[in-house]
PDB file of N, CA and C in Angstrom:
ATOM      1  N   MET A   1      21.002 -30.479 -14.355  1.00  0.00           N
ATOM      2  CA  MET A   1      20.238 -29.409 -14.949  1.00  0.00           C
ATOM      3  C   MET A   1      19.046 -29.048 -14.067  1.00  0.00           C
ATOM      4  N   ASP A   2      18.428 -30.037 -13.451  1.00  0.00           N
ATOM      5  CA  ASP A   2      17.265 -29.794 -12.609  1.00  0.00           C
ATOM      6  C   ASP A   2      17.639 -28.932 -11.408  1.00  0.00           C
ATOM      7  N   GLU A   3      18.870 -29.122 -10.908  1.00  0.00           N
ATOM      8  CA  GLU A   3      19.332 -28.331  -9.770  1.00  0.00           C
ATOM      9  C   GLU A   3      19.499 -26.864 -10.153  1.00  0.00           C
ATOM     10  N   SER A   4      20.006 -26.599 -11.350  1.00  0.00           N
ATOM     11  CA  SER A   4      20.183 -25.206 -11.774  1.00  0.00           C
ATOM     12  C   SER A   4      18.840 -24.520 -12.002  1.00  0.00           C
ATOM     13  N   LEU A   5      17.841 -25.251 -12.499  1.00  0.00           N
ATOM     14  CA  LEU A   5      16.503 -24.673 -12.676  1.00  0.00           C
ATOM     15  C   LEU A   5      15.860 -24.370 -11.329  1.00  0.00           C
ATOM     16  N   ARG A   6      16.107 -25.201 -10.360  1.00  0.00           N
ATOM     17  CA  ARG A   6      15.581 -24.953  -9.023  1.00  0.00           C
ATOM     18  C   ARG A   6      16.227 -23.693  -8.431  1.00  0.00           C
ATOM     19  N   ASP A   7      17.510 -23.507  -8.723  1.00  0.00           N
ATOM     20  CA  ASP A   7      18.195 -22.298  -8.257  1.00  0.00           C
ATOM     21  C   ASP A   7      17.626 -21.050  -8.920  1.00  0.00           C
ATOM     22  N   VAL A   8      17.272 -21.141 -10.204  1.00  0.00           N
ATOM     23  CA  VAL A   8      16.677 -20.007 -10.909  1.00  0.00           C
ATOM     24  C   VAL A   8      15.356 -19.624 -10.254  1.00  0.00           C
ATOM     25  N   LYS A   9      14.547 -20.591  -9.882  1.00  0.00           N
ATOM     26  CA  LYS A   9      13.266 -20.309  -9.226  1.00  0.00           C
ATOM     27  C   LYS A   9      13.492 -19.650  -7.868  1.00  0.00           C
ATOM     28  N   LYS A  10      14.489 -20.133  -7.149  1.00  0.00           N
ATOM     29  CA  LYS A  10      14.786 -19.526  -5.843  1.00  0.00           C
ATOM     30  C   LYS A  10      15.236 -18.084  -6.020  1.00  0.00           C
ATOM     31  N   VAL A  11      16.038 -17.831  -7.029  1.00  0.00           N
ATOM     32  CA  VAL A  11      16.518 -16.469  -7.288  1.00  0.00           C
ATOM     33  C   VAL A  11      15.353 -15.568  -7.671  1.00  0.00           C
ATOM     34  N   CYS A  12      14.409 -16.085  -8.477  1.00  0.00           N
ATOM     35  CA  CYS A  12      13.245 -15.285  -8.864  1.00  0.00           C
ATOM     36  C   CYS A  12      12.413 -14.902  -7.648  1.00  0.00           C
ATOM     37  N   VAL A  13      12.198 -15.829  -6.744  1.00  0.00           N
ATOM     38  CA  VAL A  13      11.451 -15.530  -5.526  1.00  0.00           C
ATOM     39  C   VAL A  13      12.237 -14.526  -4.688  1.00  0.00           C
ATOM     40  N   LEU A  14      13.530 -14.742  -4.562  1.00  0.00           N
ATOM     41  CA  LEU A  14      14.362 -13.900  -3.708  1.00  0.00           C
ATOM     42  C   LEU A  14      14.463 -12.460  -4.213  1.00  0.00           C
ATOM     43  N   ILE A  15      14.707 -12.269  -5.512  1.00  0.00           N
ATOM     44  CA  ILE A  15      14.864 -10.908  -6.011  1.00  0.00           C
ATOM     45  C   ILE A  15      13.549 -10.132  -5.928  1.00  0.00           C
ATOM     46  N   ASN A  16      12.433 -10.807  -6.171  1.00  0.00           N
ATOM     47  CA  ASN A  16      11.149 -10.119  -6.051  1.00  0.00           C
ATOM     48  C   ASN A  16      10.843  -9.785  -4.596  1.00  0.00           C
ATOM     49  N   ALA A  17      11.164 -10.688  -3.682  1.00  0.00           N
ATOM     50  CA  ALA A  17      10.913 -10.425  -2.262  1.00  0.00           C
ATOM     51  C   ALA A  17      11.803  -9.301  -1.742  1.00  0.00           C
ATOM     52  N   VAL A  18      13.062  -9.276  -2.137  1.00  0.00           N
ATOM     53  CA  VAL A  18      13.970  -8.216  -1.707  1.00  0.00           C
ATOM     54  C   VAL A  18      13.542  -6.875  -2.312  1.00  0.00           C
ATOM     55  N   GLY A  19      13.113  -6.902  -3.562  1.00  0.00           N
ATOM     56  CA  GLY A  19      12.620  -5.678  -4.185  1.00  0.00           C
ATOM     57  C   GLY A  19      11.402  -5.131  -3.463  1.00  0.00           C
ATOM     58  N   ALA A  20      10.485  -6.027  -3.079  1.00  0.00           N
ATOM     59  CA  ALA A  20       9.297  -5.599  -2.333  1.00  0.00           C
ATOM     60  C   ALA A  20       9.681  -5.023  -0.978  1.00  0.00           C
ATOM     61  N   ALA A  21      10.635  -5.639  -0.307  1.00  0.00           N
ATOM     62  CA  ALA A  21      11.073  -5.129   0.996  1.00  0.00           C
ATOM     63  C   ALA A  21      11.717  -3.747   0.851  1.00  0.00           C
ATOM     64  N   ALA A  22      12.512  -3.564  -0.191  1.00  0.00           N
ATOM     65  CA  ALA A  22      13.143  -2.257  -0.412  1.00  0.00           C
ATOM     66  C   ALA A  22      12.096  -1.186  -0.700  1.00  0.00           C
ATOM     67  N   LEU A  23      11.100  -1.527  -1.509  1.00  0.00           N
ATOM     68  CA  LEU A  23      10.051  -0.556  -1.796  1.00  0.00           C
ATOM     69  C   LEU A  23       9.205  -0.256  -0.566  1.00  0.00           C
ATOM     70  N   LEU A  24       8.990  -1.250   0.280  1.00  0.00           N
ATOM     71  CA  LEU A  24       8.252  -0.999   1.521  1.00  0.00           C
ATOM     72  C   LEU A  24       8.998  -0.018   2.410  1.00  0.00           C
ATOM     73  N   ALA A  25      10.300  -0.178   2.509  1.00  0.00           N
ATOM     74  CA  ALA A  25      11.099   0.750   3.317  1.00  0.00           C
ATOM     75  C   ALA A  25      11.065   2.155   2.709  1.00  0.00           C
ATOM     76  N   PHE A  26      11.150   2.242   1.401  1.00  0.00           N
ATOM     77  CA  PHE A  26      11.090   3.535   0.729  1.00  0.00           C
ATOM     78  C   PHE A  26       9.708   4.172   0.896  1.00  0.00           C
ATOM     79  N   LEU A  27       8.663   3.361   0.778  1.00  0.00           N
ATOM     80  CA  LEU A  27       7.302   3.871   0.943  1.00  0.00           C
ATOM     81  C   LEU A  27       7.090   4.419   2.349  1.00  0.00           C
ATOM     82  N   GLN A  28       7.641   3.753   3.332  1.00  0.00           N
ATOM     83  CA  GLN A  28       7.528   4.227   4.714  1.00  0.00           C
ATOM     84  C   GLN A  28       8.202   5.593   4.861  1.00  0.00           C
ATOM     85  N   ALA A  29       9.299   5.799   4.161  1.00  0.00           N
ATOM     86  CA  ALA A  29      10.021   7.072   4.261  1.00  0.00           C
ATOM     87  C   ALA A  29       9.277   8.215   3.585  1.00  0.00           C
ATOM     88  N   ILE A  30       8.536   7.926   2.500  1.00  0.00           N
ATOM     89  CA  ILE A  30       7.886   9.014   1.765  1.00  0.00           C
ATOM     90  C   ILE A  30       6.407   9.158   2.097  1.00  0.00           C
ATOM     91  N   TRP A  31       5.824   8.212   2.800  1.00  0.00           N
ATOM     92  CA  TRP A  31       4.376   8.200   3.008  1.00  0.00           C
ATOM     93  C   TRP A  31       3.878   9.433   3.771  1.00  0.00           C
ATOM     94  N   SER A  32       4.580   9.845   4.799  1.00  0.00           N
ATOM     95  CA  SER A  32       4.101  10.943   5.631  1.00  0.00           C
ATOM     96  C   SER A  32       4.319  12.320   4.992  1.00  0.00           C
ATOM     97  N   SER A  33       5.170  12.386   3.992  1.00  0.00           N
ATOM     98  CA  SER A  33       5.408  13.682   3.354  1.00  0.00           C
ATOM     99  C   SER A  33       4.234  14.032   2.442  1.00  0.00           C
ATOM    100  N   GLY A  34       3.940  15.306   2.375  1.00  0.00           N
ATOM    101  CA  GLY A  34       2.836  15.753   1.544  1.00  0.00           C
ATOM    102  C   GLY A  34       3.212  15.743   0.076  1.00  0.00           C
ATOM    103  N   GLY A  35       2.228  15.609  -0.763  1.00  0.00           N
ATOM    104  CA  GLY A  35       2.467  15.644  -2.206  1.00  0.00           C
ATOM    105  C   GLY A  35       3.064  14.347  -2.720  1.00  0.00           C
ATOM    106  N   ALA A  36       3.627  14.422  -3.895  1.00  0.00           N
ATOM    107  CA  ALA A  36       4.262  13.277  -4.571  1.00  0.00           C
ATOM    108  C   ALA A  36       3.318  12.085  -4.664  1.00  0.00           C
ATOM    109  N   LEU A  37       2.054  12.373  -4.979  1.00  0.00           N
ATOM    110  CA  LEU A  37       1.079  11.286  -5.076  1.00  0.00           C
ATOM    111  C   LEU A  37       1.414  10.316  -6.195  1.00  0.00           C
ATOM    112  N   SER A  38       1.954  10.826  -7.295  1.00  0.00           N
ATOM    113  CA  SER A  38       2.329   9.943  -8.401  1.00  0.00           C
ATOM    114  C   SER A  38       3.445   8.993  -7.989  1.00  0.00           C
ATOM    115  N   LEU A  39       4.396   9.504  -7.224  1.00  0.00           N
ATOM    116  CA  LEU A  39       5.490   8.659  -6.746  1.00  0.00           C
ATOM    117  C   LEU A  39       4.957   7.574  -5.817  1.00  0.00           C
ATOM    118  N   LYS A  40       4.091   7.961  -4.899  1.00  0.00           N
ATOM    119  CA  LYS A  40       3.518   6.977  -3.974  1.00  0.00           C
ATOM    120  C   LYS A  40       2.705   5.933  -4.730  1.00  0.00           C
ATOM    121  N   ARG A  41       1.936   6.372  -5.711  1.00  0.00           N
ATOM    122  CA  ARG A  41       1.156   5.430  -6.518  1.00  0.00           C
ATOM    123  C   ARG A  41       2.079   4.480  -7.278  1.00  0.00           C
ATOM    124  N   GLY A  42       3.173   5.017  -7.837  1.00  0.00           N
ATOM    125  CA  GLY A  42       4.138   4.182  -8.550  1.00  0.00           C
ATOM    126  C   GLY A  42       4.800   3.161  -7.644  1.00  0.00           C
ATOM    127  N   VAL A  43       5.128   3.572  -6.422  1.00  0.00           N
ATOM    128  CA  VAL A  43       5.739   2.647  -5.462  1.00  0.00           C
ATOM    129  C   VAL A  43       4.747   1.557  -5.084  1.00  0.00           C
ATOM    130  N   LEU A  44       3.492   1.928  -4.881  1.00  0.00           N
ATOM    131  CA  LEU A  44       2.486   0.913  -4.556  1.00  0.00           C
ATOM    132  C   LEU A  44       2.296  -0.069  -5.705  1.00  0.00           C
ATOM    133  N   TRP A  45       2.258   0.424  -6.940  1.00  0.00           N
ATOM    134  CA  TRP A  45       2.146  -0.488  -8.085  1.00  0.00           C
ATOM    135  C   TRP A  45       3.403  -1.345  -8.225  1.00  0.00           C
ATOM    136  N   GLY A  46       4.557  -0.786  -7.895  1.00  0.00           N
ATOM    137  CA  GLY A  46       5.780  -1.590  -7.898  1.00  0.00           C
ATOM    138  C   GLY A  46       5.711  -2.715  -6.878  1.00  0.00           C
ATOM    139  N   LEU A  47       5.143  -2.422  -5.696  1.00  0.00           N
ATOM    140  CA  LEU A  47       4.952  -3.464  -4.687  1.00  0.00           C
ATOM    141  C   LEU A  47       4.028  -4.561  -5.198  1.00  0.00           C
ATOM    142  N   VAL A  48       2.974  -4.156  -5.894  1.00  0.00           N
ATOM    143  CA  VAL A  48       2.054  -5.145  -6.464  1.00  0.00           C
ATOM    144  C   VAL A  48       2.784  -6.027  -7.478  1.00  0.00           C
ATOM    145  N   ALA A  49       3.624  -5.406  -8.303  1.00  0.00           N
ATOM    146  CA  ALA A  49       4.377  -6.174  -9.299  1.00  0.00           C
ATOM    147  C   ALA A  49       5.349  -7.148  -8.632  1.00  0.00           C
ATOM    148  N   PHE A  50       6.043  -6.695  -7.589  1.00  0.00           N
ATOM    149  CA  PHE A  50       6.956  -7.592  -6.887  1.00  0.00           C
ATOM    150  C   PHE A  50       6.195  -8.731  -6.204  1.00  0.00           C
ATOM    151  N   ALA A  51       5.059  -8.418  -5.596  1.00  0.00           N
ATOM    152  CA  ALA A  51       4.261  -9.470  -4.956  1.00  0.00           C
ATOM    153  C   ALA A  51       3.763 -10.476  -5.989  1.00  0.00           C
ATOM    154  N   ALA A  52       3.364  -9.984  -7.154  1.00  0.00           N
ATOM    155  CA  ALA A  52       2.953 -10.897  -8.223  1.00  0.00           C
ATOM    156  C   ALA A  52       4.128 -11.764  -8.675  1.00  0.00           C
ATOM    157  N   GLY A  53       5.324 -11.180  -8.709  1.00  0.00           N
ATOM    158  CA  GLY A  53       6.513 -11.955  -9.078  1.00  0.00           C
ATOM    159  C   GLY A  53       6.802 -13.065  -8.085  1.00  0.00           C
ATOM    160  N   VAL A  54       6.634 -12.780  -6.803  1.00  0.00           N
ATOM    161  CA  VAL A  54       6.829 -13.820  -5.785  1.00  0.00           C
ATOM    162  C   VAL A  54       5.782 -14.912  -5.956  1.00  0.00           C
ATOM    163  N   ALA A  55       4.535 -14.521  -6.177  1.00  0.00           N
ATOM    164  CA  ALA A  55       3.464 -15.508  -6.348  1.00  0.00           C
ATOM    165  C   ALA A  55       3.682 -16.354  -7.598  1.00  0.00           C
ATOM    166  N   VAL A  56       4.077 -15.723  -8.688  1.00  0.00           N
ATOM    167  CA  VAL A  56       4.313 -16.452  -9.938  1.00  0.00           C
ATOM    168  C   VAL A  56       5.487 -17.407  -9.782  1.00  0.00           C
ATOM    169  N   ALA A  57       6.568 -16.939  -9.180  1.00  0.00           N
ATOM    170  CA  ALA A  57       7.735 -17.810  -8.998  1.00  0.00           C
ATOM    171  C   ALA A  57       7.410 -18.970  -8.074  1.00  0.00           C
ATOM    172  N   THR A  58       6.561 -18.740  -7.081  1.00  0.00           N
ATOM    173  CA  THR A  58       6.144 -19.826  -6.200  1.00  0.00           C
ATOM    174  C   THR A  58       5.281 -20.825  -6.950  1.00  0.00           C
ATOM    175  N   LEU A  59       4.465 -20.333  -7.873  1.00  0.00           N
ATOM    176  CA  LEU A  59       3.681 -21.237  -8.717  1.00  0.00           C
ATOM    177  C   LEU A  59       4.577 -22.145  -9.558  1.00  0.00           C
ATOM    178  N   GLY A  60       5.788 -21.679  -9.838  1.00  0.00           N
ATOM    179  CA  GLY A  60       6.734 -22.505 -10.585  1.00  0.00           C
ATOM    180  C   GLY A  60       7.043 -23.811  -9.878  1.00  0.00           C
ATOM    181  N   TYR A  61       7.089 -23.772  -8.554  1.00  0.00           N
ATOM    182  CA  TYR A  61       7.313 -25.009  -7.800  1.00  0.00           C
ATOM    183  C   TYR A  61       6.146 -25.966  -7.973  1.00  0.00           C
ATOM    184  N   LEU A  62       4.938 -25.427  -7.940  1.00  0.00           N
ATOM    185  CA  LEU A  62       3.747 -26.253  -8.125  1.00  0.00           C
ATOM    186  C   LEU A  62       3.715 -26.861  -9.524  1.00  0.00           C
ATOM    187  N   ALA A  63       4.022 -26.063 -10.538  1.00  0.00           N
ATOM    188  CA  ALA A  63       4.056 -26.574 -11.908  1.00  0.00           C
ATOM    189  C   ALA A  63       5.158 -27.624 -12.076  1.00  0.00           C
ATOM    190  N   HIS A  64       6.271 -27.428 -11.393  1.00  0.00           N
ATOM    191  CA  HIS A  64       7.356 -28.412 -11.457  1.00  0.00           C
ATOM    192  C   HIS A  64       6.905 -29.752 -10.877  1.00  0.00           C
ATOM    193  N   HIS A  65       6.207 -29.706  -9.752  1.00  0.00           N
ATOM    194  CA  HIS A  65       5.721 -30.952  -9.151  1.00  0.00           C
ATOM    195  C   HIS A  65       4.648 -31.614 -10.020  1.00  0.00           C
ATOM    196  N   TRP A  66       3.791 -30.813 -10.656  1.00  0.00           N
ATOM    197  CA  TRP A  66       2.817 -31.390 -11.578  1.00  0.00           C
ATOM    198  C   TRP A  66       3.515 -32.057 -12.754  1.00  0.00           C
ATOM    199  N   ALA A  67       4.583 -31.443 -13.263  1.00  0.00           N
ATOM    200  CA  ALA A  67       5.334 -32.032 -14.367  1.00  0.00           C
ATOM    201  C   ALA A  67       5.944 -33.361 -13.948  1.00  0.00           C
ATOM    202  N   LEU A  68       6.449 -33.426 -12.712  1.00  0.00           N
ATOM    203  CA  LEU A  68       7.004 -34.687 -12.238  1.00  0.00           C
ATOM    204  C   LEU A  68       5.922 -35.748 -12.076  1.00  0.00           C
ATOM    205  N   ARG A  69       4.752 -35.350 -11.586  1.00  0.00           N
ATOM    206  CA  ARG A  69       3.649 -36.310 -11.408  1.00  0.00           C
ATOM    207  C   ARG A  69       3.137 -36.821 -12.738  1.00  0.00           C
ATOM    208  N   LYS A  70       3.136 -35.966 -13.753  1.00  0.00           N
ATOM    209  CA  LYS A  70       2.663 -36.373 -15.079  1.00  0.00           C
ATOM    210  C   LYS A  70       3.778 -37.047 -15.877  1.00  0.00           C
ATOM    211  N   ASN A  71       4.925 -37.217 -15.247  1.00  0.00           N
ATOM    212  CA  ASN A  71       6.087 -37.847 -15.855  1.00  0.00           C
ATOM    213  C   ASN A  71       6.577 -37.072 -17.079  1.00  0.00           C
ATOM    214  N   GLN A  72       6.511 -35.755 -16.991  1.00  0.00           N
ATOM    215  CA  GLN A  72       6.996 -34.889 -18.057  1.00  0.00           C
ATOM    216  C   GLN A  72       8.386 -34.386 -17.664  1.00  0.00           C
ATOM    217  N   ILE A  73       9.356 -35.249 -17.809  1.00  0.00           N
ATOM    218  CA  ILE A  73      10.704 -34.936 -17.355  1.00  0.00           C
ATOM    219  C   ILE A  73      11.368 -33.866 -18.234  1.00  0.00           C
ATOM    220  N   LYS A  74      11.280 -33.979 -19.537  1.00  0.00           N
ATOM    221  CA  LYS A  74      11.969 -33.047 -20.432  1.00  0.00           C
ATOM    222  C   LYS A  74      11.040 -32.324 -21.404  1.00  0.00           C
ATOM    223  N   ALA A  75       9.778 -32.668 -21.445  1.00  0.00           N
ATOM    224  CA  ALA A  75       8.867 -32.032 -22.399  1.00  0.00           C
ATOM    225  C   ALA A  75       7.448 -32.090 -21.847  1.00  0.00           C
ATOM    226  N   GLY A  76       6.571 -31.350 -22.465  1.00  0.00           N
ATOM    227  CA  GLY A  76       5.182 -31.336 -22.049  1.00  0.00           C
ATOM    228  C   GLY A  76       4.773 -29.956 -21.558  1.00  0.00           C
ATOM    229  N   LEU A  77       3.485 -29.771 -21.411  1.00  0.00           N
ATOM    230  CA  LEU A  77       2.949 -28.475 -21.041  1.00  0.00           C
ATOM    231  C   LEU A  77       3.401 -28.035 -19.658  1.00  0.00           C
ATOM    232  N   PHE A  78       3.284 -28.889 -18.656  1.00  0.00           N
ATOM    233  CA  PHE A  78       3.666 -28.500 -17.301  1.00  0.00           C
ATOM    234  C   PHE A  78       5.169 -28.265 -17.194  1.00  0.00           C
ATOM    235  N   PHE A  79       5.953 -29.067 -17.900  1.00  0.00           N
ATOM    236  CA  PHE A  79       7.403 -28.851 -17.897  1.00  0.00           C
ATOM    237  C   PHE A  79       7.732 -27.492 -18.501  1.00  0.00           C
ATOM    238  N   GLN A  80       7.097 -27.173 -19.633  1.00  0.00           N
ATOM    239  CA  GLN A  80       7.353 -25.898 -20.291  1.00  0.00           C
ATOM    240  C   GLN A  80       6.897 -24.731 -19.416  1.00  0.00           C
ATOM    241  N   LEU A  81       5.750 -24.888 -18.750  1.00  0.00           N
ATOM    242  CA  LEU A  81       5.292 -23.841 -17.828  1.00  0.00           C
ATOM    243  C   LEU A  81       6.289 -23.631 -16.702  1.00  0.00           C
ATOM    244  N   ALA A  82       6.730 -24.718 -16.098  1.00  0.00           N
ATOM    245  CA  ALA A  82       7.585 -24.637 -14.916  1.00  0.00           C
ATOM    246  C   ALA A  82       8.979 -24.123 -15.232  1.00  0.00           C
ATOM    247  N   HIS A  83       9.485 -24.422 -16.409  1.00  0.00           N
ATOM    248  CA  HIS A  83      10.888 -24.132 -16.684  1.00  0.00           C
ATOM    249  C   HIS A  83      11.124 -23.009 -17.683  1.00  0.00           C
ATOM    250  N   VAL A  84      10.076 -22.540 -18.353  1.00  0.00           N
ATOM    251  CA  VAL A  84      10.261 -21.466 -19.325  1.00  0.00           C
ATOM    252  C   VAL A  84       9.371 -20.276 -19.000  1.00  0.00           C
ATOM    253  N   TRP A  85       8.076 -20.522 -18.990  1.00  0.00           N
ATOM    254  CA  TRP A  85       7.129 -19.403 -18.913  1.00  0.00           C
ATOM    255  C   TRP A  85       7.030 -18.784 -17.530  1.00  0.00           C
ATOM    256  N   ILE A  86       6.985 -19.576 -16.507  1.00  0.00           N
ATOM    257  CA  ILE A  86       6.841 -19.027 -15.161  1.00  0.00           C
ATOM    258  C   ILE A  86       8.088 -18.239 -14.731  1.00  0.00           C
ATOM    259  N   PRO A  87       9.300 -18.753 -14.929  1.00  0.00           N
ATOM    260  CA  PRO A  87      10.460 -17.913 -14.590  1.00  0.00           C
ATOM    261  C   PRO A  87      10.538 -16.635 -15.432  1.00  0.00           C
ATOM    262  N   SER A  88      10.146 -16.722 -16.694  1.00  0.00           N
ATOM    263  CA  SER A  88      10.139 -15.523 -17.541  1.00  0.00           C
ATOM    264  C   SER A  88       9.143 -14.503 -17.026  1.00  0.00           C
ATOM    265  N   LEU A  89       7.967 -14.957 -16.627  1.00  0.00           N
ATOM    266  CA  LEU A  89       6.952 -14.057 -16.088  1.00  0.00           C
ATOM    267  C   LEU A  89       7.397 -13.450 -14.760  1.00  0.00           C
ATOM    268  N   ALA A  90       8.109 -14.215 -13.947  1.00  0.00           N
ATOM    269  CA  ALA A  90       8.635 -13.674 -12.685  1.00  0.00           C
ATOM    270  C   ALA A  90       9.665 -12.586 -12.941  1.00  0.00           C
ATOM    271  N   VAL A  91      10.481 -12.751 -13.967  1.00  0.00           N
ATOM    272  CA  VAL A  91      11.463 -11.723 -14.325  1.00  0.00           C
ATOM    273  C   VAL A  91      10.751 -10.478 -14.855  1.00  0.00           C
ATOM    274  N   VAL A  92       9.698 -10.668 -15.637  1.00  0.00           N
ATOM    275  CA  VAL A  92       8.915  -9.529 -16.127  1.00  0.00           C
ATOM    276  C   VAL A  92       8.305  -8.767 -14.949  1.00  0.00           C
ATOM    277  N   CYS A  93       7.798  -9.476 -13.963  1.00  0.00           N
ATOM    278  CA  CYS A  93       7.249  -8.820 -12.763  1.00  0.00           C
ATOM    279  C   CYS A  93       8.330  -8.028 -12.037  1.00  0.00           C
ATOM    280  N   PHE A  94       9.529  -8.575 -11.971  1.00  0.00           N
ATOM    281  CA  PHE A  94      10.643  -7.872 -11.328  1.00  0.00           C
ATOM    282  C   PHE A  94      10.967  -6.581 -12.072  1.00  0.00           C
ATOM    283  N   VAL A  95      11.035  -6.661 -13.384  1.00  0.00           N
ATOM    284  CA  VAL A  95      11.346  -5.480 -14.185  1.00  0.00           C
ATOM    285  C   VAL A  95      10.243  -4.428 -14.023  1.00  0.00           C
ATOM    286  N   LEU A  96       8.981  -4.868 -14.027  1.00  0.00           N
ATOM    287  CA  LEU A  96       7.881  -3.931 -13.797  1.00  0.00           C
ATOM    288  C   LEU A  96       7.965  -3.300 -12.414  1.00  0.00           C
ATOM    289  N   GLY A  97       8.352  -4.099 -11.424  1.00  0.00           N
ATOM    290  CA  GLY A  97       8.512  -3.573 -10.076  1.00  0.00           C
ATOM    291  C   GLY A  97       9.599  -2.520  -9.986  1.00  0.00           C
ATOM    292  N   LEU A  98      10.582  -2.602 -10.859  1.00  0.00           N
ATOM    293  CA  LEU A  98      11.630  -1.579 -10.904  1.00  0.00           C
ATOM    294  C   LEU A  98      11.182  -0.346 -11.675  1.00  0.00           C
ATOM    295  N   ILE A  99      10.456  -0.543 -12.759  1.00  0.00           N
ATOM    296  CA  ILE A  99      10.102   0.550 -13.655  1.00  0.00           C
ATOM    297  C   ILE A  99       8.968   1.415 -13.113  1.00  0.00           C
ATOM    298  N   LEU A 100       7.955   0.807 -12.514  1.00  0.00           N
ATOM    299  CA  LEU A 100       6.772   1.563 -12.093  1.00  0.00           C
ATOM    300  C   LEU A 100       7.070   2.671 -11.084  1.00  0.00           C
ATOM    301  N   PRO A 101       7.893   2.437 -10.048  1.00  0.00           N
ATOM    302  CA  PRO A 101       8.217   3.557  -9.157  1.00  0.00           C
ATOM    303  C   PRO A 101       9.002   4.674  -9.849  1.00  0.00           C
ATOM    304  N   VAL A 102       9.846   4.312 -10.780  1.00  0.00           N
ATOM    305  CA  VAL A 102      10.613   5.326 -11.508  1.00  0.00           C
ATOM    306  C   VAL A 102       9.673   6.180 -12.357  1.00  0.00           C
ATOM    307  N   LEU A 103       8.733   5.539 -13.040  1.00  0.00           N
ATOM    308  CA  LEU A 103       7.762   6.300 -13.823  1.00  0.00           C
ATOM    309  C   LEU A 103       6.918   7.203 -12.931  1.00  0.00           C
ATOM    310  N   GLY A 104       6.531   6.692 -11.764  1.00  0.00           N
ATOM    311  CA  GLY A 104       5.796   7.522 -10.817  1.00  0.00           C
ATOM    312  C   GLY A 104       6.618   8.702 -10.341  1.00  0.00           C
ATOM    313  N   GLY A 105       7.905   8.484 -10.131  1.00  0.00           N
ATOM    314  CA  GLY A 105       8.791   9.573  -9.729  1.00  0.00           C
ATOM    315  C   GLY A 105       8.920  10.631 -10.807  1.00  0.00           C
ATOM    316  N   PHE A 106       9.070  10.199 -12.062  1.00  0.00           N
ATOM    317  CA  PHE A 106       9.138  11.160 -13.160  1.00  0.00           C
ATOM    318  C   PHE A 106       7.835  11.948 -13.280  1.00  0.00           C
ATOM    319  N   ASP A 107       6.713  11.255 -13.131  1.00  0.00           N
ATOM    320  CA  ASP A 107       5.419  11.930 -13.202  1.00  0.00           C
ATOM    321  C   ASP A 107       5.268  12.924 -12.059  1.00  0.00           C
ATOM    322  N   SER A 108       5.745  12.550 -10.893  1.00  0.00           N
ATOM    323  CA  SER A 108       5.690  13.438  -9.737  1.00  0.00           C
ATOM    324  C   SER A 108       6.559  14.678  -9.957  1.00  0.00           C
ATOM    325  N   LEU A 109       7.720  14.486 -10.550  1.00  0.00           N
ATOM    326  CA  LEU A 109       8.604  15.633 -10.830  1.00  0.00           C
ATOM    327  C   LEU A 109       7.990  16.577 -11.846  1.00  0.00           C
ATOM    328  N   SER A 110       7.352  16.034 -12.869  1.00  0.00           N
ATOM    329  CA  SER A 110       6.744  16.902 -13.870  1.00  0.00           C
ATOM    330  C   SER A 110       5.575  17.673 -13.259  1.00  0.00           C
ATOM    331  N   GLY A 111       4.859  17.070 -12.324  1.00  0.00           N
ATOM    332  CA  GLY A 111       3.777  17.772 -11.632  1.00  0.00           C
ATOM    333  C   GLY A 111       4.312  18.881 -10.757  1.00  0.00           C
ATOM    334  N   GLN A 112       5.443  18.660 -10.106  1.00  0.00           N
ATOM    335  CA  GLN A 112       6.051  19.690  -9.266  1.00  0.00           C
ATOM    336  C   GLN A 112       6.570  20.843 -10.119  1.00  0.00           C
ATOM    337  N   ALA A 113       7.107  20.522 -11.278  1.00  0.00           N
ATOM    338  CA  ALA A 113       7.621  21.566 -12.169  1.00  0.00           C
ATOM    339  C   ALA A 113       6.468  22.438 -12.663  1.00  0.00           C
ATOM    340  N   ARG A 114       5.341  21.815 -13.002  1.00  0.00           N
ATOM    341  CA  ARG A 114       4.174  22.583 -13.423  1.00  0.00           C
ATOM    342  C   ARG A 114       3.678  23.475 -12.292  1.00  0.00           C
ATOM    343  N   GLY A 115       3.681  22.925 -11.069  1.00  0.00           N
ATOM    344  CA  GLY A 115       3.240  23.708  -9.918  1.00  0.00           C
ATOM    345  C   GLY A 115       4.166  24.878  -9.643  1.00  0.00           C
ATOM    346  N   ALA A 116       5.465  24.690  -9.822  1.00  0.00           N
ATOM    347  CA  ALA A 116       6.422  25.770  -9.594  1.00  0.00           C
ATOM    348  C   ALA A 116       6.244  26.880 -10.617  1.00  0.00           C
ATOM    349  N   VAL A 117       5.941  26.513 -11.870  1.00  0.00           N
ATOM    350  CA  VAL A 117       5.735  27.515 -12.910  1.00  0.00           C
ATOM    351  C   VAL A 117       4.478  28.323 -12.617  1.00  0.00           C
ATOM    352  N   THR A 118       3.392  27.649 -12.241  1.00  0.00           N
ATOM    353  CA  THR A 118       2.159  28.387 -11.958  1.00  0.00           C
ATOM    354  C   THR A 118       2.299  29.246 -10.710  1.00  0.00           C
ATOM    355  N   ASP A 119       3.083  28.787  -9.710  1.00  0.00           N
ATOM    356  CA  ASP A 119       3.315  29.603  -8.516  1.00  0.00           C
ATOM    357  C   ASP A 119       4.111  30.868  -8.860  1.00  0.00           C
ATOM    358  N   SER A 120       5.112  30.743  -9.716  1.00  0.00           N
ATOM    359  CA  SER A 120       5.907  31.909 -10.079  1.00  0.00           C
ATOM    360  C   SER A 120       5.091  32.887 -10.925  1.00  0.00           C
ATOM    361  N   ILE A 121       4.170  32.390 -11.713  1.00  0.00           N
ATOM    362  CA  ILE A 121       3.296  33.266 -12.486  1.00  0.00           C
ATOM    363  C   ILE A 121       2.342  34.003 -11.570  1.00  0.00           C
ATOM    364  N   ARG A 122       1.821  33.315 -10.573  1.00  0.00           N
ATOM    365  CA  ARG A 122       0.889  33.946  -9.633  1.00  0.00           C
ATOM    366  C   ARG A 122       1.577  35.039  -8.808  1.00  0.00           C
ATOM    367  N   ARG A 123       2.840  34.847  -8.487  1.00  0.00           N
ATOM    368  CA  ARG A 123       3.570  35.832  -7.676  1.00  0.00           C
ATOM    369  C   ARG A 123       3.752  37.144  -8.426  1.00  0.00           C
ATOM    370  N   ARG A 124       3.834  37.067  -9.726  1.00  0.00           N
ATOM    371  CA  ARG A 124       4.062  38.275 -10.542  1.00  0.00           C
ATOM    372  C   ARG A 124       2.781  38.999 -10.637  1.00  0.00           C
TER     373      ARG A 124
END
């Protein structure tokens, strides 16, 4: 069982790191283009969420070692932190890292739609 929990922690670190790398590549592609400030802001907040997920999942290793030092093999505060709360928080960070850029994109689209309407009104 301990081996499978260690694999879960590795997966949490890996998915957050890969998500951050993907957002960095996307940010590089959109950074030089004008406008879409909401999208860029959403991507940056997504990067922050992914980085927090990597940090939280890495803290899981530290909590696991503290649980072993305190001899909390199957129960106790450090065991519960390392095996329940920290992986859950890393998954929440991953989900936030996915959602925030999408929300920024939707906000950016609604801003462009408003701008297109006002431009067409001005032309008339």
